[in-house]
Protein backbone atom coordinates (compact mmCIF):
# COMPACT_ATOMS: atom_id res chain seq x y z
CA MET A 1 120.33 -49.18 68.66
CA LYS A 2 117.53 -48.89 66.49
CA PRO A 3 115.39 -45.40 66.62
CA GLY A 4 113.05 -44.96 68.91
CA TYR A 5 113.19 -47.62 71.46
CA PHE A 6 114.37 -45.15 74.52
CA ALA A 7 112.73 -41.62 73.55
CA GLY A 8 111.22 -39.83 76.19
CA GLU A 9 109.61 -36.28 76.14
CA TYR A 10 112.94 -34.99 77.84
CA MET A 11 115.77 -37.09 77.22
CA ALA A 12 116.70 -40.29 75.32
CA VAL A 13 119.08 -42.91 74.34
CA VAL A 14 119.53 -42.77 70.27
CA GLY A 15 121.60 -44.68 68.10
CA ALA A 16 123.57 -43.69 64.47
CA HIS A 17 120.14 -44.47 62.65
CA ASP A 18 118.09 -42.21 64.54
CA GLY A 19 117.89 -38.69 63.13
CA ARG A 20 117.81 -37.05 66.70
CA TYR A 21 121.56 -38.69 66.37
CA ARG A 22 122.54 -36.79 63.25
CA GLU A 23 120.31 -33.30 64.83
CA ALA A 24 122.88 -33.82 67.49
CA ILE A 25 125.56 -33.90 65.23
CA THR A 26 125.06 -31.39 63.34
CA ASN A 27 124.35 -28.47 66.32
CA GLY A 28 127.62 -29.68 68.15
CA PRO A 29 130.67 -28.52 67.41
CA ASN A 30 133.40 -31.04 66.41
CA LEU A 31 130.88 -33.96 67.42
CA ASP A 32 131.06 -35.61 65.03
CA ASN A 33 134.92 -35.34 64.66
CA PHE A 34 134.73 -36.72 67.89
CA LEU A 35 132.18 -39.56 67.25
CA SER A 36 134.53 -40.96 64.24
CA LYS A 37 137.38 -41.35 66.52
CA PHE A 38 135.89 -44.58 68.17
CA GLU A 39 137.12 -47.69 67.44
CA GLY A 40 137.06 -51.41 68.69
CA SER A 41 140.37 -53.26 70.32
CA HIS A 42 141.09 -54.58 66.48
CA GLY A 43 140.72 -51.29 64.79
CA GLU A 44 137.11 -51.81 63.69
CA ARG A 45 135.23 -48.63 63.53
CA LEU A 46 132.61 -47.89 66.19
CA MET A 47 129.02 -45.60 66.37
CA PRO A 48 128.58 -44.76 69.81
CA SER A 49 125.09 -44.32 70.99
CA LEU A 50 124.53 -40.83 72.35
CA LEU A 51 122.36 -39.76 75.47
CA ILE A 52 120.38 -36.85 74.91
CA ARG A 53 117.92 -34.09 76.14
CA SER A 54 115.38 -32.20 75.06
CA ASP A 55 114.96 -28.50 75.11
CA ALA A 56 111.72 -29.23 77.11
CA PHE A 57 114.34 -30.35 80.10
CA PRO A 58 113.44 -27.70 82.67
CA ASP A 59 116.98 -27.26 83.68
CA ARG A 60 120.49 -29.11 83.18
CA PRO A 61 119.99 -32.63 84.11
CA ASN A 62 122.21 -33.84 87.07
CA SER A 63 124.05 -36.70 87.60
CA GLU A 64 120.98 -38.77 89.67
CA ALA A 65 118.53 -37.76 86.96
CA ILE A 66 121.18 -39.75 83.83
CA SER A 67 121.76 -42.34 86.10
CA SER A 68 118.66 -43.32 87.21
CA PHE A 69 117.57 -42.83 83.25
CA MET A 70 120.24 -45.40 82.29
CA ASP A 71 119.00 -47.63 85.23
CA ILE A 72 115.58 -48.03 83.33
CA VAL A 73 117.17 -48.63 80.00
CA ILE A 74 119.06 -51.29 81.40
CA ALA A 75 116.41 -52.91 82.83
CA CYS A 76 114.29 -52.86 79.60
CA VAL A 77 117.25 -54.63 78.17
CA VAL A 78 119.31 -56.43 80.37
CA LEU A 79 117.02 -57.93 82.25
CA ASP A 80 115.49 -60.20 79.17
CA VAL A 81 118.84 -61.09 78.01
CA ARG A 82 119.54 -62.50 81.08
CA VAL A 83 116.11 -64.56 80.89
CA ARG A 84 116.28 -65.24 77.40
CA THR A 85 120.09 -66.61 77.76
CA VAL A 86 118.62 -69.42 80.45
CA THR A 87 115.96 -70.35 78.09
CA TRP A 88 117.56 -70.11 74.40
CA ARG A 89 120.99 -71.36 76.62
CA ARG A 90 123.22 -68.69 74.37
CA ASN A 91 123.58 -65.56 74.42
CA VAL A 92 120.78 -63.23 72.68
CA GLY A 93 122.68 -59.58 73.89
CA PRO A 94 124.00 -57.58 76.22
CA PHE A 95 124.24 -59.07 78.93
CA TYR A 96 125.68 -57.02 81.43
CA ALA A 97 124.90 -53.23 82.41
CA ASP A 98 128.24 -52.37 81.74
CA SER A 99 127.30 -52.18 78.07
CA PHE A 100 125.18 -49.06 79.22
CA GLU A 101 128.16 -47.23 80.61
CA ILE A 102 128.32 -43.58 79.71
CA TYR A 103 131.79 -42.64 78.11
CA PRO A 104 133.89 -40.75 80.62
CA TRP A 105 135.20 -38.47 78.10
CA MET A 106 133.09 -35.88 75.73
CA ILE A 107 133.58 -33.01 73.66
CA ALA A 108 133.52 -29.50 75.22
CA PRO A 109 131.03 -26.99 74.28
CA ASP A 110 133.29 -24.84 72.48
CA GLY A 111 134.18 -27.93 70.14
CA ARG A 112 137.91 -27.58 70.83
CA ARG A 113 138.64 -29.95 73.45
CA LEU A 114 138.05 -32.53 75.74
CA VAL A 115 136.90 -32.94 79.12
CA ALA A 116 136.86 -35.55 81.32
CA GLN A 117 134.76 -35.68 84.84
CA ASN A 118 133.69 -38.83 87.18
CA ALA A 119 134.72 -39.77 90.69
CA ALA A 120 138.23 -41.04 89.67
CA LEU A 121 139.29 -38.28 87.05
CA TRP A 122 139.10 -34.63 86.49
CA ALA A 123 141.14 -33.62 82.97
CA VAL A 124 141.21 -31.87 79.73
CA HIS A 125 142.22 -32.76 76.77
CA GLU A 126 143.52 -32.16 72.74
CA LEU A 127 140.50 -33.47 70.57
CA ASP A 128 143.43 -34.50 67.64
CA ARG A 129 144.92 -36.90 69.97
CA PHE A 130 142.28 -38.39 71.15
CA ARG A 131 141.22 -42.17 70.13
CA GLY A 132 138.39 -43.69 71.61
CA THR A 133 138.19 -47.50 72.58
CA ALA A 134 135.65 -49.73 73.62
CA SER A 135 135.96 -51.81 76.92
CA ALA A 136 137.53 -54.94 76.81
CA ALA A 137 135.70 -56.55 78.70
CA VAL A 138 132.31 -56.48 77.39
CA PRO A 139 131.24 -56.94 73.58
CA VAL A 140 129.94 -54.16 71.33
CA GLN A 141 126.28 -55.43 70.57
CA GLU A 142 123.38 -53.73 68.37
CA ILE A 143 120.19 -53.52 70.03
CA GLY A 144 117.50 -54.04 67.34
CA GLN A 145 113.86 -54.99 68.11
CA GLU A 146 114.52 -57.80 70.19
CA PRO A 147 115.09 -57.75 73.56
CA VAL A 148 113.90 -54.18 73.76
CA HIS A 149 110.71 -53.72 75.89
CA PRO A 150 109.32 -49.97 74.91
CA ARG A 151 106.27 -50.53 77.11
CA PHE A 152 108.33 -51.26 79.77
CA PHE A 153 110.41 -48.49 79.25
CA ASN A 154 106.92 -46.32 78.97
CA GLN A 155 105.63 -47.70 82.58
CA LEU A 156 109.14 -46.94 84.02
CA LEU A 157 109.22 -44.07 82.59
CA PRO A 158 106.46 -41.84 84.21
CA ILE A 159 107.98 -42.62 87.41
CA TRP A 160 111.10 -41.48 86.54
CA LYS A 161 109.63 -38.18 85.26
CA SER A 162 107.00 -37.73 88.91
CA ARG A 163 110.52 -37.72 90.40
CA PHE A 164 113.03 -35.79 88.22
CA ILE A 165 110.98 -33.25 86.23
CA ASP A 166 107.91 -32.92 88.24
CA GLY A 167 109.75 -32.52 91.56
CA GLN A 168 107.47 -35.31 93.26
CA ASP A 169 108.78 -37.87 95.76
CA ASP A 170 106.45 -40.14 97.03
CA TRP A 171 107.87 -42.98 98.50
CA THR A 172 107.17 -45.86 96.08
CA SER A 173 108.31 -44.32 92.89
CA ARG A 174 111.34 -43.86 95.16
CA ALA A 175 111.38 -47.09 96.46
CA ILE A 176 111.06 -49.00 92.61
CA LEU A 177 114.15 -46.15 91.07
CA ARG A 178 116.38 -47.46 94.40
CA SER A 179 115.56 -50.56 93.35
CA LEU A 180 116.40 -50.09 90.03
CA LYS A 181 120.16 -49.10 90.78
CA MET A 182 120.50 -51.75 92.99
CA ALA A 183 119.59 -54.05 89.98
CA THR A 184 121.83 -52.22 87.77
CA SER A 185 124.69 -53.16 90.16
CA ALA A 186 123.93 -56.81 90.13
CA LEU A 187 123.87 -56.90 86.36
CA ARG A 188 127.25 -55.61 86.07
CA LEU A 189 130.62 -57.64 85.49
CA SER A 190 131.23 -59.65 88.85
CA SER A 191 135.03 -58.19 88.42
CA PRO A 192 136.49 -55.07 86.48
CA THR A 193 138.11 -57.29 84.01
CA GLY A 194 135.85 -60.02 83.78
CA SER A 195 138.74 -62.65 83.97
CA THR A 196 139.38 -62.02 87.75
CA GLU A 197 136.03 -63.29 89.41
CA SER A 198 135.64 -65.47 92.34
CA PHE A 199 133.17 -67.18 93.83
CA TYR A 200 133.03 -64.46 96.59
CA ASP A 201 132.32 -62.28 93.76
CA TYR A 202 128.88 -64.07 93.08
CA GLY A 203 127.93 -63.97 96.67
CA ARG A 204 128.00 -60.24 96.66
CA ILE A 205 125.89 -60.22 93.39
CA LEU A 206 123.35 -62.11 95.29
CA SER A 207 123.62 -59.74 97.99
CA LEU A 208 122.60 -56.82 95.54
CA TRP A 209 119.88 -59.06 93.98
CA VAL A 210 118.14 -59.63 97.63
CA SER A 211 118.70 -55.91 98.45
CA ALA A 212 116.72 -55.15 95.39
CA PHE A 213 113.97 -57.24 96.15
CA GLU A 214 113.88 -55.50 99.58
CA ILE A 215 114.09 -52.19 98.39
CA LEU A 216 111.41 -52.50 96.21
CA VAL A 217 109.01 -54.07 99.20
CA HIS A 218 109.91 -51.67 101.63
CA PRO A 219 107.22 -49.71 103.13
CA GLY A 220 108.43 -46.34 104.35
CA PRO A 221 110.30 -44.36 106.78
CA THR A 222 107.79 -46.17 109.73
CA GLY A 223 108.70 -49.77 108.83
CA LYS A 224 111.19 -52.11 106.97
CA ALA A 225 111.66 -54.97 104.09
CA THR A 226 111.71 -58.17 105.54
CA ARG A 227 112.10 -61.62 103.69
CA GLN A 228 108.17 -61.98 104.63
CA LYS A 229 107.49 -59.32 102.65
CA VAL A 230 109.26 -59.84 99.42
CA LEU A 231 107.72 -63.22 99.61
CA ASP A 232 103.82 -61.90 99.68
CA LEU A 233 104.96 -59.66 96.76
CA LEU A 234 105.73 -62.56 94.88
CA LYS A 235 102.73 -64.59 95.65
CA THR A 236 101.05 -61.88 93.60
CA ILE A 237 102.77 -62.12 90.44
CA PRO A 238 100.02 -63.84 87.44
CA TRP A 239 102.16 -67.35 86.71
CA LEU A 240 100.61 -69.30 83.78
CA SER A 241 101.84 -72.67 84.48
CA ARG A 242 100.35 -74.96 87.32
CA MET A 243 104.30 -75.90 88.29
CA ALA A 244 105.17 -72.13 88.84
CA ARG A 245 101.55 -71.28 90.32
CA GLU A 246 101.49 -74.64 92.73
CA GLU A 247 103.13 -74.34 96.10
CA THR A 248 104.44 -77.79 95.79
CA HIS A 249 108.52 -76.58 96.43
CA GLN A 250 110.26 -77.02 99.42
CA ALA A 251 111.65 -74.14 101.05
CA ASP A 252 113.90 -74.31 104.42
CA PHE A 253 112.73 -71.06 107.04
CA GLY A 254 115.08 -72.15 109.46
CA GLY A 255 114.87 -74.35 112.37
CA GLY A 256 113.61 -77.34 111.29
CA ASN A 257 110.62 -75.29 109.30
CA ILE A 258 110.20 -76.70 105.68
CA ARG A 259 107.41 -75.65 103.66
CA ASN A 260 105.82 -75.93 100.42
CA VAL A 261 105.62 -72.94 98.12
CA GLN A 262 105.44 -71.51 94.96
CA LEU A 263 108.66 -72.08 92.89
CA ALA A 264 109.51 -68.18 92.65
CA ASN A 265 109.32 -68.20 96.66
CA ALA A 266 111.26 -71.35 97.07
CA LEU A 267 114.44 -69.96 94.49
CA TYR A 268 114.02 -66.46 96.97
CA VAL A 269 114.49 -67.88 100.24
CA LYS A 270 117.31 -69.82 99.21
CA MET A 271 118.53 -66.68 97.71
CA ASN A 272 118.31 -64.94 100.96
CA ASP A 273 119.83 -67.48 102.88
CA LEU A 274 122.99 -67.22 100.80
CA ARG A 275 123.06 -63.52 101.10
CA ASN A 276 122.76 -63.90 104.71
CA ASP A 277 125.49 -66.45 104.98
CA PHE A 278 127.48 -64.52 102.88
CA LEU A 279 127.27 -60.71 104.47
CA HIS A 280 127.32 -62.73 107.80
CA GLY A 281 131.24 -64.39 107.40
CA ASN A 282 129.14 -67.69 107.98
CA PRO A 283 130.82 -70.77 106.08
CA VAL A 284 129.39 -71.00 102.39
CA GLU A 285 130.07 -73.57 100.03
CA PRO A 286 130.48 -73.45 96.01
CA GLN A 287 128.22 -76.18 95.70
CA LYS A 288 125.73 -74.06 97.45
CA PHE A 289 125.03 -71.84 94.35
CA ARG A 290 123.69 -75.26 92.63
CA LEU A 291 120.13 -76.37 92.66
CA ASP A 292 119.29 -79.89 92.50
CA ASN A 293 119.08 -80.16 89.00
CA GLY A 294 122.60 -78.05 88.35
CA THR A 295 121.38 -74.78 87.32
CA TRP A 296 122.78 -71.48 88.98
CA ILE A 297 120.53 -69.60 91.02
CA LEU A 298 122.19 -66.94 89.70
CA SER A 299 120.13 -67.55 86.67
CA PHE A 300 116.85 -66.88 88.01
CA PRO A 301 116.59 -63.26 89.95
CA ALA A 302 116.38 -61.82 87.11
CA ALA A 303 113.34 -63.28 85.78
CA ILE A 304 112.18 -62.90 89.16
CA PHE A 305 112.73 -59.47 89.58
CA ARG A 306 111.36 -58.91 86.10
CA MET A 307 107.72 -60.64 87.11
CA ALA A 308 108.19 -58.69 90.42
CA LEU A 309 108.64 -55.50 89.16
CA SER A 310 105.67 -55.51 86.23
CA THR A 311 103.50 -56.61 88.84
CA MET A 312 103.62 -53.63 90.77
CA LEU A 313 103.61 -51.14 87.83
CA SER A 314 100.17 -50.18 86.05
CA ASP A 315 99.82 -51.05 82.45
CA PRO A 316 97.21 -48.61 80.65
CA ASP A 317 97.78 -50.48 77.26
CA GLU A 318 96.64 -53.85 79.14
CA VAL A 319 93.66 -55.84 76.78
CA THR A 320 91.85 -58.90 78.22
CA TRP A 321 90.74 -61.69 76.11
CA GLU A 322 87.15 -60.33 77.70
CA GLN A 323 87.77 -57.17 75.90
CA ALA A 324 88.69 -58.46 72.93
CA LEU A 325 85.70 -60.93 73.09
CA SER A 326 83.14 -58.51 73.77
CA GLY A 327 84.30 -56.08 71.00
CA GLU A 328 85.92 -53.84 73.33
CA LYS A 329 88.70 -54.47 71.83
CA THR A 330 90.30 -55.43 68.80
CA ARG A 331 91.61 -59.30 67.82
CA ASP A 332 94.68 -57.12 66.50
CA GLU A 333 94.64 -55.27 69.44
CA TYR A 334 94.76 -58.34 71.82
CA TRP A 335 97.46 -59.91 69.53
CA LYS A 336 99.91 -56.92 70.47
CA HIS A 337 99.29 -57.40 73.74
CA LEU A 338 100.38 -60.73 73.50
CA GLN A 339 103.38 -59.93 71.76
CA ALA A 340 104.17 -57.17 74.19
CA THR A 341 103.89 -59.02 77.42
CA ARG A 342 105.51 -62.09 76.27
CA TYR A 343 107.99 -61.44 78.86
CA ARG A 344 106.39 -63.36 80.92
CA VAL A 345 106.54 -66.13 79.16
CA ASP A 346 110.35 -66.02 78.87
CA CYS A 347 110.00 -65.38 82.30
CA GLU A 348 108.04 -68.41 83.48
CA GLU A 349 110.22 -71.17 81.36
CA CYS A 350 113.30 -69.40 83.06
CA LEU A 351 112.30 -70.27 86.38
CA LEU A 352 110.95 -73.71 85.12
CA ALA A 353 114.79 -74.21 84.25
CA ALA A 354 115.25 -74.48 88.18
CA VAL A 355 113.72 -77.90 88.14
CA LYS A 356 113.68 -79.21 84.95
CA PRO A 357 116.14 -81.92 83.77
CA GLN A 358 118.62 -79.90 81.89
CA PRO A 359 119.58 -81.09 78.21
CA ALA A 360 122.73 -82.46 77.71
CA ASP A 361 125.77 -80.18 76.26
CA ASP A 362 125.80 -81.71 73.00
CA GLU A 363 121.62 -81.88 72.68
């Protein structure tokens, strides 16, 4: 992982090229020895990233704060990998949230023993006998400049800080962080090994995605999330192309009620219906997961969720063309803004794949 992408004032994920990585090794008894023992499944040397906290953190971070921080990191990488994998028709980075799992074993503060603690394990062992292994189910990939989105991270981090550092617990912040937790679950491998997945695993993943959207729009203790509230949020997304903006895509609202809606809304209605059928035990056939042009419905939730969440977040660094034209902002600032918001184009291209003819595999 390259330096500085996921670094806040209180917590950061750093790779071996980051100065803070070397500083942690210097200050951690036997940490260098511990990290040197990690290998891939074929004996290749690995350098795991580190999750570190600053001395500015007011207390030892609890598991909820750590987990939520990692949800933000995952959203800033895996969502866009999913989007670009559809548009580029090839894998472009960590495709699953499992790539960001925190390793259960860690060096003890005294530097002599290893400790492990999670829901399934509590153990102590000797450092000399330790051999760190990567997951056999997901590849080891280095995260570089792409597809990381530091600006997205900087939009989400204040929400995390408000909740876990400042102790504020407003409903909107809670909804966003809970929604990210559900999205992280949806972005995991469909089965522990990835080799025994079934059609019913896909239904579970789709259900998690729909839940992530519903949590995002939930109005609070006195209300409830509905399909219509999600559709209302999706209608606020500033799509660029006419095909995405116009209400020309058919959606079945039940009872013979067929309406023309925007593309994202039509896809969500289908997702919601499939979720209901799965969770209620209704008959569902595998072909229901295929759209008319043969694309897979699970190819599109990440793009819709990315745009929906970004539409809800404030962007203090946004620069409009009018600001650049008037001289309020420079052309260079506007160009940097366009580069930072390239994800909008990527997400839209991803969604358009749901209705455009698909190229042959050999093209």
